[in-house]
C-alpha atoms as a PDB file:
ATOM      1  CA  UNK A   1     -21.905 -11.729   4.744  1.00  0.00           C
ATOM      2  CA  UNK A   2     -19.093  -9.467   5.914  1.00  0.00           C
ATOM      3  CA  UNK A   3     -15.580  -9.690   4.485  1.00  0.00           C
ATOM      4  CA  UNK A   4     -12.923  -7.682   6.323  1.00  0.00           C
ATOM      5  CA  UNK A   5      -9.484  -6.475   5.310  1.00  0.00           C
ATOM      6  CA  UNK A   6      -6.603  -5.190   7.404  1.00  0.00           C
ATOM      7  CA  UNK A   7      -4.280  -3.352   5.024  1.00  0.00           C
ATOM      8  CA  UNK A   8      -0.714  -2.575   6.048  1.00  0.00           C
ATOM      9  CA  UNK A   9       1.933  -0.655   4.168  1.00  0.00           C
ATOM     10  CA  UNK A  10       5.419  -2.197   4.266  1.00  0.00           C
ATOM     11  CA  UNK A  11       8.022  -1.016   6.756  1.00  0.00           C
ATOM     12  CA  UNK A  12      10.318   1.922   6.088  1.00  0.00           C
ATOM     13  CA  UNK A  13      12.929   1.221   3.401  1.00  0.00           C
ATOM     14  CA  UNK A  14      16.273   2.763   2.556  1.00  0.00           C
ATOM     15  CA  UNK A  15      14.710   4.507  -0.448  1.00  0.00           C
ATOM     16  CA  UNK A  16      11.821   5.799   1.675  1.00  0.00           C
ATOM     17  CA  UNK A  17      14.393   7.428   3.905  1.00  0.00           C
ATOM     18  CA  UNK A  18      16.291   8.842   0.932  1.00  0.00           C
ATOM     19  CA  UNK A  19      13.102  10.121  -0.749  1.00  0.00           C
ATOM     20  CA  UNK A  20      13.474   7.947  -3.852  1.00  0.00           C
ATOM     21  CA  UNK A  21      10.687   6.466  -5.968  1.00  0.00           C
ATOM     22  CA  UNK A  22      10.586   2.677  -5.659  1.00  0.00           C
ATOM     23  CA  UNK A  23       7.790   1.378  -7.871  1.00  0.00           C
ATOM     24  CA  UNK A  24       8.607  -2.176  -8.969  1.00  0.00           C
ATOM     25  CA  UNK A  25      12.265  -1.687  -8.003  1.00  0.00           C
ATOM     26  CA  UNK A  26      13.124  -2.656  -4.456  1.00  0.00           C
ATOM     27  CA  UNK A  27      15.003  -1.350  -1.473  1.00  0.00           C
ATOM     28  CA  UNK A  28      15.642  -3.186   1.810  1.00  0.00           C
ATOM     29  CA  UNK A  29      13.843  -2.367   5.034  1.00  0.00           C
ATOM     30  CA  UNK A  30      15.742  -0.121   7.392  1.00  0.00           C
ATOM     31  CA  UNK A  31      16.258  -1.178  10.992  1.00  0.00           C
ATOM     32  CA  UNK A  32      13.379   1.160  11.839  1.00  0.00           C
ATOM     33  CA  UNK A  33      11.237  -0.589   9.226  1.00  0.00           C
ATOM     34  CA  UNK A  34      11.890  -3.955  10.853  1.00  0.00           C
ATOM     35  CA  UNK A  35      10.979  -2.550  14.280  1.00  0.00           C
ATOM     36  CA  UNK A  36       7.776  -1.080  12.828  1.00  0.00           C
ATOM     37  CA  UNK A  37       6.789  -4.475  11.441  1.00  0.00           C
ATOM     38  CA  UNK A  38       7.559  -6.184  14.740  1.00  0.00           C
ATOM     39  CA  UNK A  39       5.330  -3.695  16.566  1.00  0.00           C
ATOM     40  CA  UNK A  40       2.488  -4.345  14.119  1.00  0.00           C
ATOM     41  CA  UNK A  41       2.992  -8.093  14.526  1.00  0.00           C
ATOM     42  CA  UNK A  42       2.477  -7.796  18.279  1.00  0.00           C
ATOM     43  CA  UNK A  43      -0.735  -5.863  17.665  1.00  0.00           C
ATOM     44  CA  UNK A  44      -2.041  -8.370  15.120  1.00  0.00           C
ATOM     45  CA  UNK A  45      -1.299 -11.299  17.448  1.00  0.00           C
ATOM     46  CA  UNK A  46      -4.376 -10.218  19.429  1.00  0.00           C
ATOM     47  CA  UNK A  47      -6.642 -10.356  16.371  1.00  0.00           C
ATOM     48  CA  UNK A  48      -8.388 -13.140  14.482  1.00  0.00           C
ATOM     49  CA  UNK A  49      -7.029 -13.391  10.914  1.00  0.00           C
ATOM     50  CA  UNK A  50      -7.889 -16.046   8.346  1.00  0.00           C
ATOM     51  CA  UNK A  51      -5.365 -15.402   5.555  1.00  0.00           C
ATOM     52  CA  UNK A  52      -2.314 -13.299   4.720  1.00  0.00           C
ATOM     53  CA  UNK A  53      -1.901 -11.769   1.256  1.00  0.00           C
ATOM     54  CA  UNK A  54       1.158  -9.738   0.249  1.00  0.00           C
ATOM     55  CA  UNK A  55       2.478  -7.934  -2.774  1.00  0.00           C
ATOM     56  CA  UNK A  56       5.199 -10.035  -4.380  1.00  0.00           C
ATOM     57  CA  UNK A  57       7.759  -7.216  -4.106  1.00  0.00           C
ATOM     58  CA  UNK A  58      10.551  -7.776  -1.602  1.00  0.00           C
ATOM     59  CA  UNK A  59       9.810  -4.990   0.856  1.00  0.00           C
ATOM     60  CA  UNK A  60       6.178  -6.088   1.255  1.00  0.00           C
ATOM     61  CA  UNK A  61       7.051  -9.779   1.501  1.00  0.00           C
ATOM     62  CA  UNK A  62       9.742  -9.081   4.124  1.00  0.00           C
ATOM     63  CA  UNK A  63       7.235  -7.081   6.171  1.00  0.00           C
ATOM     64  CA  UNK A  64       4.654  -9.865   5.846  1.00  0.00           C
ATOM     65  CA  UNK A  65       7.203 -12.450   6.965  1.00  0.00           C
ATOM     66  CA  UNK A  66       7.853 -10.457  10.143  1.00  0.00           C
ATOM     67  CA  UNK A  67       4.115 -10.123  10.793  1.00  0.00           C
ATOM     68  CA  UNK A  68       3.687 -13.874  10.322  1.00  0.00           C
ATOM     69  CA  UNK A  69       6.031 -14.509  13.222  1.00  0.00           C
ATOM     70  CA  UNK A  70       3.012 -13.356  15.279  1.00  0.00           C
ATOM     71  CA  UNK A  71       0.249 -14.451  12.867  1.00  0.00           C
ATOM     72  CA  UNK A  72       1.190 -18.073  12.034  1.00  0.00           C
ATOM     73  CA  UNK A  73      -0.233 -18.298   8.517  1.00  0.00           C
ATOM     74  CA  UNK A  74       1.303 -18.869   5.095  1.00  0.00           C
ATOM     75  CA  UNK A  75       1.790 -15.829   2.838  1.00  0.00           C
ATOM     76  CA  UNK A  76       0.041 -15.789  -0.532  1.00  0.00           C
ATOM     77  CA  UNK A  77       1.673 -13.475  -3.099  1.00  0.00           C
ATOM     78  CA  UNK A  78      -0.619 -11.174  -5.100  1.00  0.00           C
ATOM     79  CA  UNK A  79       1.114  -9.275  -7.957  1.00  0.00           C
ATOM     80  CA  UNK A  80      -1.932  -7.047  -8.530  1.00  0.00           C
ATOM     81  CA  UNK A  81      -1.198  -5.386  -5.197  1.00  0.00           C
ATOM     82  CA  UNK A  82       2.271  -4.312  -6.298  1.00  0.00           C
ATOM     83  CA  UNK A  83       3.208  -0.646  -6.207  1.00  0.00           C
ATOM     84  CA  UNK A  84       2.690   1.341  -9.404  1.00  0.00           C
ATOM     85  CA  UNK A  85       5.454   0.886 -11.959  1.00  0.00           C
ATOM     86  CA  UNK A  86       7.276   4.160 -12.638  1.00  0.00           C
ATOM     87  CA  UNK A  87       9.468   2.702 -15.379  1.00  0.00           C
ATOM     88  CA  UNK A  88      12.554   4.826 -15.982  1.00  0.00           C
ATOM     89  CA  UNK A  89      11.520   7.054 -13.077  1.00  0.00           C
ATOM     90  CA  UNK A  90      12.301   4.417 -10.472  1.00  0.00           C
ATOM     91  CA  UNK A  91      15.219   5.332  -8.257  1.00  0.00           C
ATOM     92  CA  UNK A  92      14.769   9.068  -8.823  1.00  0.00           C
ATOM     93  CA  UNK A  93      14.069  11.522  -6.023  1.00  0.00           C
ATOM     94  CA  UNK A  94      10.717  13.291  -5.893  1.00  0.00           C
ATOM     95  CA  UNK A  95      12.357  16.516  -7.088  1.00  0.00           C
ATOM     96  CA  UNK A  96      13.961  14.726 -10.033  1.00  0.00           C
ATOM     97  CA  UNK A  97      10.739  13.023 -11.072  1.00  0.00           C
ATOM     98  CA  UNK A  98       8.806  16.307 -10.825  1.00  0.00           C
ATOM     99  CA  UNK A  99      11.346  17.915 -13.149  1.00  0.00           C
ATOM    100  CA  UNK A 100      11.477  15.090 -15.701  1.00  0.00           C
ATOM    101  CA  UNK A 101       7.872  13.833 -15.526  1.00  0.00           C
ATOM    102  CA  UNK A 102       5.658  16.638 -14.148  1.00  0.00           C
ATOM    103  CA  UNK A 103       2.531  14.888 -15.456  1.00  0.00           C
ATOM    104  CA  UNK A 104       3.060  11.904 -13.176  1.00  0.00           C
ATOM    105  CA  UNK A 105       1.866  13.246  -9.815  1.00  0.00           C
ATOM    106  CA  UNK A 106       1.789  16.342  -7.667  1.00  0.00           C
ATOM    107  CA  UNK A 107       0.494  17.537  -4.327  1.00  0.00           C
ATOM    108  CA  UNK A 108      -0.724  20.824  -5.805  1.00  0.00           C
ATOM    109  CA  UNK A 109      -2.165  20.137  -9.266  1.00  0.00           C
ATOM    110  CA  UNK A 110      -4.271  17.674 -11.203  1.00  0.00           C
ATOM    111  CA  UNK A 111      -2.133  15.132 -13.016  1.00  0.00           C
ATOM    112  CA  UNK A 112      -2.767  13.312 -16.275  1.00  0.00           C
ATOM    113  CA  UNK A 113      -4.323   9.945 -15.332  1.00  0.00           C
ATOM    114  CA  UNK A 114      -3.214   8.454 -18.654  1.00  0.00           C
ATOM    115  CA  UNK A 115       0.416   9.573 -18.540  1.00  0.00           C
ATOM    116  CA  UNK A 116       3.042   6.856 -18.055  1.00  0.00           C
ATOM    117  CA  UNK A 117       6.794   7.299 -17.905  1.00  0.00           C
ATOM    118  CA  UNK A 118       8.605   5.064 -20.402  1.00  0.00           C
ATOM    119  CA  UNK A 119       8.314   1.485 -19.177  1.00  0.00           C
ATOM    120  CA  UNK A 120       5.783   2.408 -16.477  1.00  0.00           C
ATOM    121  CA  UNK A 121       2.053   2.426 -15.783  1.00  0.00           C
ATOM    122  CA  UNK A 122      -0.409   5.275 -16.002  1.00  0.00           C
ATOM    123  CA  UNK A 123      -2.338   6.162 -12.892  1.00  0.00           C
ATOM    124  CA  UNK A 124      -5.533   4.873 -14.526  1.00  0.00           C
ATOM    125  CA  UNK A 125      -3.958   1.495 -15.373  1.00  0.00           C
ATOM    126  CA  UNK A 126      -2.608   1.232 -11.855  1.00  0.00           C
ATOM    127  CA  UNK A 127      -5.907   2.112 -10.161  1.00  0.00           C
ATOM    128  CA  UNK A 128      -7.843  -0.374 -12.296  1.00  0.00           C
ATOM    129  CA  UNK A 129      -5.345  -3.120 -11.437  1.00  0.00           C
ATOM    130  CA  UNK A 130      -5.487  -2.440  -7.703  1.00  0.00           C
ATOM    131  CA  UNK A 131      -9.251  -2.097  -7.379  1.00  0.00           C
ATOM    132  CA  UNK A 132      -9.973  -5.209  -9.445  1.00  0.00           C
ATOM    133  CA  UNK A 133      -7.451  -7.110  -7.327  1.00  0.00           C
ATOM    134  CA  UNK A 134      -9.160  -6.136  -4.077  1.00  0.00           C
ATOM    135  CA  UNK A 135     -12.628  -6.941  -5.431  1.00  0.00           C
ATOM    136  CA  UNK A 136     -11.423 -10.373  -6.546  1.00  0.00           C
ATOM    137  CA  UNK A 137      -9.868 -11.037  -3.134  1.00  0.00           C
ATOM    138  CA  UNK A 138     -13.149 -10.110  -1.471  1.00  0.00           C
ATOM    139  CA  UNK A 139     -14.953 -12.663  -3.640  1.00  0.00           C
ATOM    140  CA  UNK A 140     -12.335 -15.365  -3.080  1.00  0.00           C
ATOM    141  CA  UNK A 141     -12.316 -14.865   0.707  1.00  0.00           C
ATOM    142  CA  UNK A 142     -15.980 -14.032   1.303  1.00  0.00           C
ATOM    143  CA  UNK A 143     -16.858 -13.962   5.001  1.00  0.00           C
ATOM    144  CA  UNK A 144     -13.223 -14.043   6.145  1.00  0.00           C
ATOM    145  CA  UNK A 145     -10.782 -11.554   7.686  1.00  0.00           C
ATOM    146  CA  UNK A 146      -7.750 -10.949   5.500  1.00  0.00           C
ATOM    147  CA  UNK A 147      -4.422  -9.284   6.256  1.00  0.00           C
ATOM    148  CA  UNK A 148      -2.972  -7.541   3.186  1.00  0.00           C
ATOM    149  CA  UNK A 149       0.600  -6.196   3.115  1.00  0.00           C
ATOM    150  CA  UNK A 150       1.113  -3.746   0.296  1.00  0.00           C
ATOM    151  CA  UNK A 151       2.374  -0.271  -0.694  1.00  0.00           C
ATOM    152  CA  UNK A 152       1.627   3.415  -0.250  1.00  0.00           C
ATOM    153  CA  UNK A 153       0.417   3.902  -3.809  1.00  0.00           C
ATOM    154  CA  UNK A 154      -1.922   0.917  -3.540  1.00  0.00           C
ATOM    155  CA  UNK A 155      -3.443   2.285  -0.348  1.00  0.00           C
ATOM    156  CA  UNK A 156      -3.831   5.718  -1.947  1.00  0.00           C
ATOM    157  CA  UNK A 157      -5.635   4.171  -4.915  1.00  0.00           C
ATOM    158  CA  UNK A 158      -8.036   2.324  -2.610  1.00  0.00           C
ATOM    159  CA  UNK A 159      -8.624   5.447  -0.506  1.00  0.00           C
ATOM    160  CA  UNK A 160      -9.558   7.473  -3.599  1.00  0.00           C
ATOM    161  CA  UNK A 161     -11.829   4.687  -4.817  1.00  0.00           C
ATOM    162  CA  UNK A 162     -13.641   4.350  -1.489  1.00  0.00           C
ATOM    163  CA  UNK A 163     -13.975   8.127  -1.061  1.00  0.00           C
ATOM    164  CA  UNK A 164     -15.020   8.540  -4.717  1.00  0.00           C
ATOM    165  CA  UNK A 165     -12.198  11.007  -5.378  1.00  0.00           C
ATOM    166  CA  UNK A 166     -10.857  11.545  -8.914  1.00  0.00           C
ATOM    167  CA  UNK A 167      -7.902   9.257  -9.517  1.00  0.00           C
ATOM    168  CA  UNK A 168      -5.793  12.274 -10.506  1.00  0.00           C
ATOM    169  CA  UNK A 169      -6.784  14.295  -7.438  1.00  0.00           C
ATOM    170  CA  UNK A 170      -3.930  16.068  -5.578  1.00  0.00           C
ATOM    171  CA  UNK A 171      -5.751  15.319  -2.303  1.00  0.00           C
ATOM    172  CA  UNK A 172      -3.169  14.529   0.387  1.00  0.00           C
ATOM    173  CA  UNK A 173      -3.627  11.111   2.003  1.00  0.00           C
ATOM    174  CA  UNK A 174      -1.954   9.938   5.205  1.00  0.00           C
ATOM    175  CA  UNK A 175      -0.228   6.621   4.518  1.00  0.00           C
ATOM    176  CA  UNK A 176       2.405   5.911   7.164  1.00  0.00           C
ATOM    177  CA  UNK A 177       4.701   2.924   7.006  1.00  0.00           C
ATOM    178  CA  UNK A 178       3.084  -0.011   8.822  1.00  0.00           C
ATOM    179  CA  UNK A 179      -0.068   1.924   9.631  1.00  0.00           C
ATOM    180  CA  UNK A 180      -3.235  -0.023  10.437  1.00  0.00           C
ATOM    181  CA  UNK A 181      -6.037   0.407   7.893  1.00  0.00           C
ATOM    182  CA  UNK A 182      -9.285  -1.570   7.900  1.00  0.00           C
ATOM    183  CA  UNK A 183     -11.951  -1.966   5.213  1.00  0.00           C
ATOM    184  CA  UNK A 184     -15.087  -4.082   5.156  1.00  0.00           C
ATOM    185  CA  UNK A 185     -17.349  -5.364   2.399  1.00  0.00           C
ATOM    186  CA  UNK A 186     -20.983  -6.336   3.011  1.00  0.00           C
ATOM    187  CA  UNK A 187     -23.096  -7.240  -0.013  1.00  0.00           C
ATOM    188  CA  UNK A 188     -22.323  -4.449  -2.521  1.00  0.00           C
ATOM    189  CA  UNK A 189     -21.173  -1.876   0.030  1.00  0.00           C
ATOM    190  CA  UNK A 190     -17.575  -1.038   0.946  1.00  0.00           C
ATOM    191  CA  UNK A 191     -16.704   0.823   4.128  1.00  0.00           C
ATOM    192  CA  UNK A 192     -13.538   2.345   5.532  1.00  0.00           C
ATOM    193  CA  UNK A 193     -13.444   1.406   9.203  1.00  0.00           C
ATOM    194  CA  UNK A 194      -9.967   2.608  10.261  1.00  0.00           C
ATOM    195  CA  UNK A 195      -7.318   4.655   8.468  1.00  0.00           C
ATOM    196  CA  UNK A 196      -3.656   5.370   9.266  1.00  0.00           C
ATOM    197  CA  UNK A 197      -3.754   4.192  12.883  1.00  0.00           C
ATOM    198  CA  UNK A 198      -0.185   4.131  14.241  1.00  0.00           C
ATOM    199  CA  UNK A 199      -1.006   3.726  17.935  1.00  0.00           C
ATOM    200  CA  UNK A 200       1.129   0.547  18.013  1.00  0.00           C
ATOM    201  CA  UNK A 201       4.278   2.446  16.951  1.00  0.00           C
ATOM    202  CA  UNK A 202       6.633   4.188  19.345  1.00  0.00           C
ATOM    203  CA  UNK A 203       7.863   6.748  16.807  1.00  0.00           C
ATOM    204  CA  UNK A 204       6.346   8.546  13.794  1.00  0.00           C
ATOM    205  CA  UNK A 205       6.614   6.745  10.448  1.00  0.00           C
ATOM    206  CA  UNK A 206       7.515   7.838   6.948  1.00  0.00           C
ATOM    207  CA  UNK A 207       4.656   9.221   4.849  1.00  0.00           C
ATOM    208  CA  UNK A 208       5.020   8.919   1.091  1.00  0.00           C
ATOM    209  CA  UNK A 209       3.862  11.473  -1.402  1.00  0.00           C
ATOM    210  CA  UNK A 210       0.585  10.067  -2.726  1.00  0.00           C
END
Protein backbone atom coordinates (compact mmCIF):
# COMPACT_ATOMS: atom_id res chain seq x y z
CA UNK A 1 0.00 0.00 0.00
CA UNK A 2 1.43 3.35 -1.06
CA UNK A 3 1.02 6.49 1.04
CA UNK A 4 2.07 9.74 -0.64
CA UNK A 5 2.93 13.16 0.74
CA UNK A 6 3.19 16.52 -0.98
CA UNK A 7 5.17 18.77 1.35
CA UNK A 8 5.10 22.53 0.90
CA UNK A 9 6.99 25.19 2.80
CA UNK A 10 4.94 28.27 3.72
CA UNK A 11 5.04 31.41 1.59
CA UNK A 12 7.66 34.11 2.03
CA UNK A 13 7.25 36.09 5.27
CA UNK A 14 8.40 39.51 6.39
CA UNK A 15 11.06 37.88 8.58
CA UNK A 16 12.22 35.67 5.71
CA UNK A 17 12.82 38.82 3.72
CA UNK A 18 14.62 40.49 6.63
CA UNK A 19 16.76 37.40 7.34
CA UNK A 20 15.39 36.85 10.85
CA UNK A 21 14.94 33.54 12.65
CA UNK A 22 11.26 32.73 13.16
CA UNK A 23 11.00 29.43 15.01
CA UNK A 24 7.75 29.35 16.99
CA UNK A 25 7.41 33.14 16.68
CA UNK A 26 5.46 34.32 13.66
CA UNK A 27 5.67 36.85 10.89
CA UNK A 28 3.00 37.60 8.27
CA UNK A 29 3.27 36.51 4.66
CA UNK A 30 4.53 39.16 2.29
CA UNK A 31 2.54 40.00 -0.83
CA UNK A 32 5.02 37.80 -2.70
CA UNK A 33 4.33 34.98 -0.24
CA UNK A 34 0.61 35.19 -0.94
CA UNK A 35 1.24 35.11 -4.70
CA UNK A 36 3.51 32.08 -4.26
CA UNK A 37 0.77 30.24 -2.39
CA UNK A 38 -1.81 31.15 -5.02
CA UNK A 39 0.46 29.76 -7.74
CA UNK A 40 0.90 26.51 -5.81
CA UNK A 41 -2.86 26.32 -5.29
CA UNK A 42 -3.43 26.45 -9.05
CA UNK A 43 -0.93 23.63 -9.50
CA UNK A 44 -2.49 21.48 -6.78
CA UNK A 45 -5.98 21.97 -8.23
CA UNK A 46 -4.96 19.51 -10.96
CA UNK A 47 -3.97 16.82 -8.44
CA UNK A 48 -5.89 14.29 -6.37
CA UNK A 49 -5.46 15.01 -2.64
CA UNK A 50 -7.22 13.26 0.22
CA UNK A 51 -6.31 15.41 3.24
CA UNK A 52 -4.57 18.65 4.18
CA UNK A 53 -2.31 18.83 7.24
CA UNK A 54 -0.60 22.04 8.36
CA UNK A 55 1.67 23.22 11.12
CA UNK A 56 -0.36 25.19 13.64
CA UNK A 57 1.86 28.27 13.27
CA UNK A 58 0.26 31.24 11.54
CA UNK A 59 2.43 31.45 8.44
CA UNK A 60 1.85 27.78 7.59
CA UNK A 61 -1.87 27.93 8.32
CA UNK A 62 -2.28 31.07 6.19
CA UNK A 63 -0.48 29.35 3.31
CA UNK A 64 -2.66 26.25 3.72
CA UNK A 65 -5.81 28.38 3.71
CA UNK A 66 -4.80 29.89 0.36
CA UNK A 67 -4.05 26.43 -1.06
CA UNK A 68 -7.45 25.20 0.12
CA UNK A 69 -9.15 27.79 -2.06
CA UNK A 70 -8.08 25.41 -4.87
CA UNK A 71 -8.10 22.15 -2.86
CA UNK A 72 -11.50 22.21 -1.10
CA UNK A 73 -10.62 20.25 2.04
CA UNK A 74 -10.55 21.11 5.74
CA UNK A 75 -7.16 21.84 7.33
CA UNK A 76 -6.01 19.64 10.21
CA UNK A 77 -3.42 21.29 12.48
CA UNK A 78 -0.36 19.22 13.44
CA UNK A 79 1.89 20.84 16.10
CA UNK A 80 4.64 18.25 15.58
CA UNK A 81 5.29 19.79 12.17
CA UNK A 82 6.04 23.20 13.67
CA UNK A 83 9.38 24.85 12.97
CA UNK A 84 12.15 24.25 15.49
CA UNK A 85 11.92 26.45 18.57
CA UNK A 86 14.93 28.76 18.87
CA UNK A 87 13.87 30.18 22.23
CA UNK A 88 15.57 33.49 22.95
CA UNK A 89 17.14 33.38 19.49
CA UNK A 90 13.85 34.01 17.72
CA UNK A 91 13.71 37.35 15.97
CA UNK A 92 17.50 37.57 15.62
CA UNK A 93 19.26 37.81 12.27
CA UNK A 94 21.44 34.93 11.11
CA UNK A 95 24.56 36.98 11.87
CA UNK A 96 23.33 37.73 15.39
CA UNK A 97 22.47 34.11 16.12
CA UNK A 98 25.85 32.93 14.80
CA UNK A 99 27.57 35.36 17.17
CA UNK A 100 25.48 34.53 20.25
CA UNK A 101 24.80 30.82 19.65
CA UNK A 102 27.49 29.44 17.29
CA UNK A 103 26.63 25.87 18.31
CA UNK A 104 23.13 26.14 16.88
CA UNK A 105 23.76 25.76 13.14
CA UNK A 106 26.20 26.62 10.40
CA UNK A 107 26.71 26.12 6.70
CA UNK A 108 30.41 25.37 7.16
CA UNK A 109 30.84 23.31 10.34
CA UNK A 110 29.30 20.48 12.31
CA UNK A 111 26.99 21.77 15.02
CA UNK A 112 26.16 20.30 18.40
CA UNK A 113 22.95 18.27 17.93
CA UNK A 114 22.18 18.54 21.65
CA UNK A 115 22.65 22.30 22.00
CA UNK A 116 19.52 24.37 22.64
CA UNK A 117 19.32 28.12 23.13
CA UNK A 118 17.52 29.04 26.36
CA UNK A 119 13.84 28.24 25.91
CA UNK A 120 14.45 26.38 22.63
CA UNK A 121 14.87 22.88 21.23
CA UNK A 122 18.04 21.03 20.35
CA UNK A 123 18.42 19.81 16.80
CA UNK A 124 18.09 16.21 18.02
CA UNK A 125 14.83 16.94 19.87
CA UNK A 126 13.49 18.73 16.83
CA UNK A 127 14.43 15.97 14.37
CA UNK A 128 12.88 13.27 16.58
CA UNK A 129 9.65 15.28 16.84
CA UNK A 130 9.40 15.85 13.09
CA UNK A 131 10.24 12.32 11.97
CA UNK A 132 7.89 10.69 14.48
CA UNK A 133 5.15 13.07 13.36
CA UNK A 134 5.54 12.11 9.71
CA UNK A 135 5.65 8.38 10.50
CA UNK A 136 2.46 8.70 12.55
CA UNK A 137 0.73 10.59 9.73
CA UNK A 138 1.72 7.85 7.30
CA UNK A 139 0.10 5.27 9.58
CA UNK A 140 -3.03 7.35 10.14
CA UNK A 141 -3.50 8.05 6.41
CA UNK A 142 -2.28 4.76 4.95
CA UNK A 143 -2.99 4.48 1.22
CA UNK A 144 -3.92 8.16 0.85
CA UNK A 145 -2.31 11.25 -0.68
CA UNK A 146 -1.66 13.97 1.87
CA UNK A 147 -0.78 17.64 1.43
CA UNK A 148 1.42 18.93 4.27
CA UNK A 149 2.16 22.64 4.75
CA UNK A 150 5.13 23.19 7.01
CA UNK A 151 8.49 24.95 7.45
CA UNK A 152 12.02 25.03 6.08
CA UNK A 153 13.56 23.41 9.14
CA UNK A 154 11.01 20.60 9.08
CA UNK A 155 11.76 19.88 5.43
CA UNK A 156 15.50 19.95 6.14
CA UNK A 157 15.05 17.44 8.96
CA UNK A 158 13.08 15.10 6.69
CA UNK A 159 15.64 15.47 3.89
CA UNK A 160 18.49 14.50 6.22
CA UNK A 161 16.49 11.56 7.55
CA UNK A 162 15.62 10.25 4.09
CA UNK A 163 19.18 10.74 2.79
CA UNK A 164 20.65 9.25 6.00
CA UNK A 165 22.72 12.37 6.64
CA UNK A 166 23.91 13.24 10.17
CA UNK A 167 21.41 15.55 11.82
CA UNK A 168 24.21 18.04 12.52
CA UNK A 169 25.53 17.95 8.96
CA UNK A 170 26.31 21.35 7.35
CA UNK A 171 25.07 19.94 4.02
CA UNK A 172 23.24 22.69 2.12
CA UNK A 173 19.64 21.81 1.23
CA UNK A 174 17.46 23.69 -1.25
CA UNK A 175 14.19 24.60 0.46
CA UNK A 176 12.44 27.41 -1.40
CA UNK A 177 9.27 29.01 -0.16
CA UNK A 178 6.26 27.14 -1.57
CA UNK A 179 8.41 24.60 -3.38
CA UNK A 180 6.84 21.27 -4.34
CA UNK A 181 8.33 18.25 -2.55
CA UNK A 182 6.94 14.72 -2.76
CA UNK A 183 7.65 11.65 -0.63
CA UNK A 184 6.14 8.18 -0.72
CA UNK A 185 5.95 5.32 1.75
CA UNK A 186 5.44 1.70 0.67
CA UNK A 187 5.66 -0.99 3.34
CA UNK A 188 8.83 -0.06 5.29
CA UNK A 189 10.48 1.95 2.51
CA UNK A 190 10.48 5.74 2.16
CA UNK A 191 11.33 7.43 -1.12
CA UNK A 192 11.94 11.02 -2.18
CA UNK A 193 10.12 11.48 -5.46
CA UNK A 194 10.46 15.25 -6.06
CA UNK A 195 12.44 17.94 -4.27
CA UNK A 196 12.36 21.75 -4.48
CA UNK A 197 10.34 21.97 -7.70
CA UNK A 198 9.39 25.62 -8.29
CA UNK A 199 8.21 25.31 -11.90
CA UNK A 200 4.82 26.76 -10.86
CA UNK A 201 6.40 30.02 -9.65
CA UNK A 202 7.10 33.01 -11.86
CA UNK A 203 9.99 34.33 -9.74
CA UNK A 204 12.69 32.76 -7.55
CA UNK A 205 11.76 32.15 -3.90
CA UNK A 206 13.54 32.71 -0.62
CA UNK A 207 15.83 29.89 0.53
CA UNK A 208 16.42 29.61 4.26
CA UNK A 209 19.66 28.62 5.87
CA UNK A 210 19.16 24.97 6.80
